[in-house]
Protein backbone atom coordinates (compact mmCIF):
# COMPACT_ATOMS: atom_id res chain seq x y z
CA UNK A 1 -12.88 4.46 18.12
CA UNK A 2 -16.11 5.50 16.50
CA UNK A 3 -16.57 6.33 12.99
CA UNK A 4 -16.17 10.11 13.44
CA UNK A 5 -12.93 9.60 15.22
CA UNK A 6 -11.73 7.33 12.42
CA UNK A 7 -12.82 10.10 9.81
CA UNK A 8 -10.86 12.62 11.62
CA UNK A 9 -7.79 10.17 12.08
CA UNK A 10 -7.61 9.33 8.47
CA UNK A 11 -8.66 12.69 6.95
CA UNK A 12 -11.83 11.20 5.02
CA UNK A 13 -14.98 12.48 3.67
CA UNK A 14 -18.08 11.10 5.21
CA UNK A 15 -18.69 8.74 2.39
CA UNK A 16 -15.17 7.19 2.58
CA UNK A 17 -15.51 6.84 6.38
CA UNK A 18 -18.66 5.02 6.01
CA UNK A 19 -17.18 2.82 3.27
CA UNK A 20 -14.12 1.68 5.45
CA UNK A 21 -14.92 2.06 9.05
CA UNK A 22 -16.67 -1.27 9.85
CA UNK A 23 -14.25 -3.18 7.78
CA UNK A 24 -11.21 -1.39 9.36
CA UNK A 25 -12.50 -2.07 12.90
CA UNK A 26 -13.01 -5.80 12.10
CA UNK A 27 -9.43 -5.83 10.79
CA UNK A 28 -7.75 -4.19 13.67
CA UNK A 29 -9.65 -6.81 15.91
CA UNK A 30 -8.53 -9.65 13.90
CA UNK A 31 -4.79 -8.75 13.55
CA UNK A 32 -4.22 -7.31 16.96
CA UNK A 33 -3.99 -3.55 16.00
CA UNK A 34 -5.69 -3.14 19.47
CA UNK A 35 -4.27 0.16 21.00
CA UNK A 36 -4.36 3.73 19.92
CA UNK A 37 -0.71 3.77 19.29
CA UNK A 38 -1.03 0.74 16.89
CA UNK A 39 -4.21 2.19 15.31
CA UNK A 40 -2.67 5.69 14.62
CA UNK A 41 0.39 4.21 12.79
CA UNK A 42 -1.62 1.68 10.87
CA UNK A 43 -4.13 4.26 9.69
CA UNK A 44 -1.42 6.72 8.89
CA UNK A 45 0.58 4.15 6.78
CA UNK A 46 -2.37 2.61 4.84
CA UNK A 47 -3.64 6.28 4.25
CA UNK A 48 -0.38 7.03 2.54
CA UNK A 49 -0.21 3.77 0.62
CA UNK A 50 -3.77 4.04 -0.81
CA UNK A 51 -3.84 7.72 -1.61
CA UNK A 52 -6.22 8.56 1.17
CA UNK A 53 -8.11 5.12 1.17
CA UNK A 54 -9.09 5.90 -2.59
CA UNK A 55 -6.71 3.70 -4.65
CA UNK A 56 -6.61 -0.09 -4.38
CA UNK A 57 -4.31 -0.83 -7.28
CA UNK A 58 -0.88 0.59 -8.03
CA UNK A 59 -0.59 3.18 -10.84
CA UNK A 60 2.58 3.57 -12.99
CA UNK A 61 1.53 6.91 -14.30
CA UNK A 62 5.18 8.51 -13.80
CA UNK A 63 6.94 11.29 -15.46
CA UNK A 64 10.25 10.12 -16.90
CA UNK A 65 12.26 11.75 -14.02
CA UNK A 66 10.14 10.11 -11.50
CA UNK A 67 11.01 6.68 -12.79
CA UNK A 68 14.33 6.94 -11.03
CA UNK A 69 12.62 5.55 -7.99
CA UNK A 70 12.72 2.14 -9.81
CA UNK A 71 16.48 1.20 -10.18
CA UNK A 72 15.45 -1.70 -12.51
CA UNK A 73 13.96 0.58 -15.15
CA UNK A 74 17.08 1.42 -17.18
CA UNK A 75 17.92 5.07 -17.51
CA UNK A 76 17.77 5.10 -21.21
CA UNK A 77 14.33 3.68 -21.17
CA UNK A 78 12.86 6.09 -18.76
CA UNK A 79 12.31 9.01 -21.31
CA UNK A 80 10.12 6.75 -23.63
CA UNK A 81 8.28 4.96 -21.05
CA UNK A 82 7.36 7.87 -18.82
CA UNK A 83 4.44 10.28 -19.23
CA UNK A 84 5.16 12.64 -22.02
CA UNK A 85 4.12 16.17 -22.15
CA UNK A 86 1.41 15.48 -24.66
CA UNK A 87 -0.10 12.76 -22.51
CA UNK A 88 -2.53 13.09 -19.66
CA UNK A 89 -1.66 9.60 -18.50
CA UNK A 90 0.81 6.89 -19.38
CA UNK A 91 -1.08 4.36 -21.64
CA UNK A 92 -1.75 1.06 -20.17
CA UNK A 93 0.77 -0.73 -22.25
CA UNK A 94 3.71 1.26 -21.06
CA UNK A 95 2.45 1.16 -17.47
CA UNK A 96 2.63 -2.58 -17.95
CA UNK A 97 6.21 -2.41 -19.20
CA UNK A 98 7.19 -0.22 -16.48
CA UNK A 99 5.83 -2.61 -14.01
CA UNK A 100 7.38 -5.66 -15.53
CA UNK A 101 10.84 -3.87 -15.55
CA UNK A 102 10.47 -2.65 -12.08
CA UNK A 103 9.08 -5.81 -10.37
CA UNK A 104 10.35 -8.69 -12.68
CA UNK A 105 12.76 -11.32 -11.34
CA UNK A 106 12.29 -10.77 -7.82
CA UNK A 107 10.41 -12.39 -4.79
CA UNK A 108 8.88 -15.00 -6.88
CA UNK A 109 8.13 -12.93 -9.98
CA UNK A 110 9.32 -14.25 -13.27
CA UNK A 111 11.54 -12.09 -15.48
CA UNK A 112 10.13 -8.83 -17.12
CA UNK A 113 8.78 -11.03 -20.16
CA UNK A 114 6.69 -13.10 -17.80
CA UNK A 115 4.30 -10.23 -17.09
CA UNK A 116 4.46 -10.89 -13.39
CA UNK A 117 5.62 -7.47 -12.53
CA UNK A 118 2.25 -6.20 -13.78
CA UNK A 119 0.27 -9.13 -12.53
CA UNK A 120 1.55 -8.89 -8.95
CA UNK A 121 1.77 -5.02 -8.71
CA UNK A 122 0.52 -3.33 -5.62
CA UNK A 123 -3.06 -3.87 -4.52
CA UNK A 124 -5.38 -3.42 -1.39
CA UNK A 125 -4.89 -0.66 1.07
CA UNK A 126 -1.26 -1.79 1.82
CA UNK A 127 -0.40 -2.35 -1.72
CA UNK A 128 0.69 -5.98 -1.46
CA UNK A 129 3.32 -6.55 -4.22
CA UNK A 130 5.14 -9.56 -5.60
CA UNK A 131 3.93 -13.19 -6.29
CA UNK A 132 5.47 -14.43 -3.14
CA UNK A 133 3.51 -11.86 -0.94
CA UNK A 134 0.33 -12.68 -2.81
CA UNK A 135 1.01 -16.40 -2.23
CA UNK A 136 1.53 -15.78 1.63
CA UNK A 137 -1.20 -13.41 2.02
CA UNK A 138 -3.66 -15.59 0.24
CA UNK A 139 -2.61 -18.76 2.25
CA UNK A 140 -3.29 -16.64 5.44
CA UNK A 141 -6.67 -15.44 4.30
CA UNK A 142 -7.86 -18.70 2.69
CA UNK A 143 -7.70 -17.46 -0.89
CA UNK A 144 -5.84 -18.18 -4.01
CA UNK A 145 -4.42 -14.74 -4.73
CA UNK A 146 -1.78 -16.02 -7.00
CA UNK A 147 -4.67 -17.09 -9.34
CA UNK A 148 -6.88 -14.01 -8.60
CA UNK A 149 -4.75 -11.21 -7.46
CA UNK A 150 -7.47 -8.62 -8.49
CA UNK A 151 -9.44 -9.68 -5.49
CA UNK A 152 -7.36 -7.30 -3.39
CA UNK A 153 -8.37 -4.30 -5.58
CA UNK A 154 -12.18 -5.28 -6.09
CA UNK A 155 -13.36 -6.61 -2.58
CA UNK A 156 -12.95 -4.02 0.09
CA UNK A 157 -12.94 -6.50 2.84
CA UNK A 158 -9.94 -8.12 1.40
CA UNK A 159 -8.17 -4.87 0.72
CA UNK A 160 -8.35 -3.98 4.37
CA UNK A 161 -7.55 -7.60 5.72
CA UNK A 162 -4.39 -7.93 3.52
CA UNK A 163 -3.21 -4.74 5.06
CA UNK A 164 -3.82 -6.21 8.53
CA UNK A 165 -2.10 -9.26 7.50
CA UNK A 166 0.88 -7.55 6.32
CA UNK A 167 1.14 -5.41 9.45
CA UNK A 168 1.06 -8.19 11.90
CA UNK A 169 3.02 -10.80 9.74
CA UNK A 170 5.89 -8.20 9.46
CA UNK A 171 5.85 -7.15 13.14
CA UNK A 172 4.61 -3.63 12.82
CA UNK A 173 2.92 -3.62 16.25
CA UNK A 174 6.15 -3.72 18.09
CA UNK A 175 7.70 -0.46 16.77
CA UNK A 176 4.13 1.13 16.80
CA UNK A 177 4.10 0.36 20.59
CA UNK A 178 7.37 2.20 20.88
CA UNK A 179 6.15 5.29 18.88
CA UNK A 180 8.86 4.24 16.39
CA UNK A 181 6.94 5.36 13.35
CA UNK A 182 10.06 5.50 11.03
CA UNK A 183 10.58 1.69 11.77
CA UNK A 184 7.06 1.01 10.58
CA UNK A 185 7.81 2.93 7.36
CA UNK A 186 11.11 0.86 6.84
CA UNK A 187 9.14 -2.36 7.05
CA UNK A 188 6.67 -1.19 4.71
CA UNK A 189 8.72 0.76 2.13
CA UNK A 190 12.40 -0.38 2.71
CA UNK A 191 15.36 1.86 3.07
CA UNK A 192 13.96 4.40 0.55
CA UNK A 193 11.47 5.70 3.28
CA UNK A 194 9.33 7.13 0.41
CA UNK A 195 7.12 9.95 1.43
CA UNK A 196 8.15 9.91 4.87
CA UNK A 197 7.38 13.59 5.59
CA UNK A 198 3.86 13.13 4.37
CA UNK A 199 3.51 9.74 6.33
CA UNK A 200 4.51 11.50 9.55
CA UNK A 201 1.96 14.35 8.93
CA UNK A 202 -0.60 11.63 8.55
CA UNK A 203 0.64 9.97 11.82
CA UNK A 204 0.41 13.29 13.67
CA UNK A 205 -3.29 13.69 12.47
CA UNK A 206 -4.10 10.24 13.60
CA UNK A 207 -2.44 10.62 16.85
CA UNK A 208 -4.35 13.74 17.59
CA UNK A 209 -7.77 12.32 16.56
CA UNK A 210 -7.01 9.29 18.92
CA UNK A 211 -5.91 11.71 21.68
CA UNK A 212 -2.37 10.66 21.89
CA UNK A 213 -0.93 14.16 21.23
């Protein structure tokens, strides 16, 4: 895969393709994402997770109705926490509240009052989330990501490597080899299958660029 093939596979500008290409190739080599089938699925999934290789830190800029995706954000709280008609963006303090409610008390995070939901929100091209995942990823990459979670959002190499680590650790190559793209989404996103229609469109674009379809 050369840079122009990657650019087409990921639907990127020349600038973004140049930013990510060498790092992505190094990561696919490191984590065994070594065939066109695996690469197409990987590129499609992280393209979706990162908003087109642009966002390395999770936003909680949601309308009240959209907060329904977070079952742990109480229904009676959504109206005041979500983005109001007069607001261009949910203020940071309310984004923090949403994250702490949504992610508190799970997978190594303390309760909502601990601030862990915001501290260990999604980062990197895969959007690594929760304290336990930061700890495991950091151990594999030789970093203390529990103490410095922002490294996944500020160091491009780590943003890509963390995605490769998640992919390999969670067995995504197997379903990619079988062209079972839906299974990779379930591994990444759980049973909600959030944005699956868009993910499939990205997968088809990547498959076409890599001459699989």
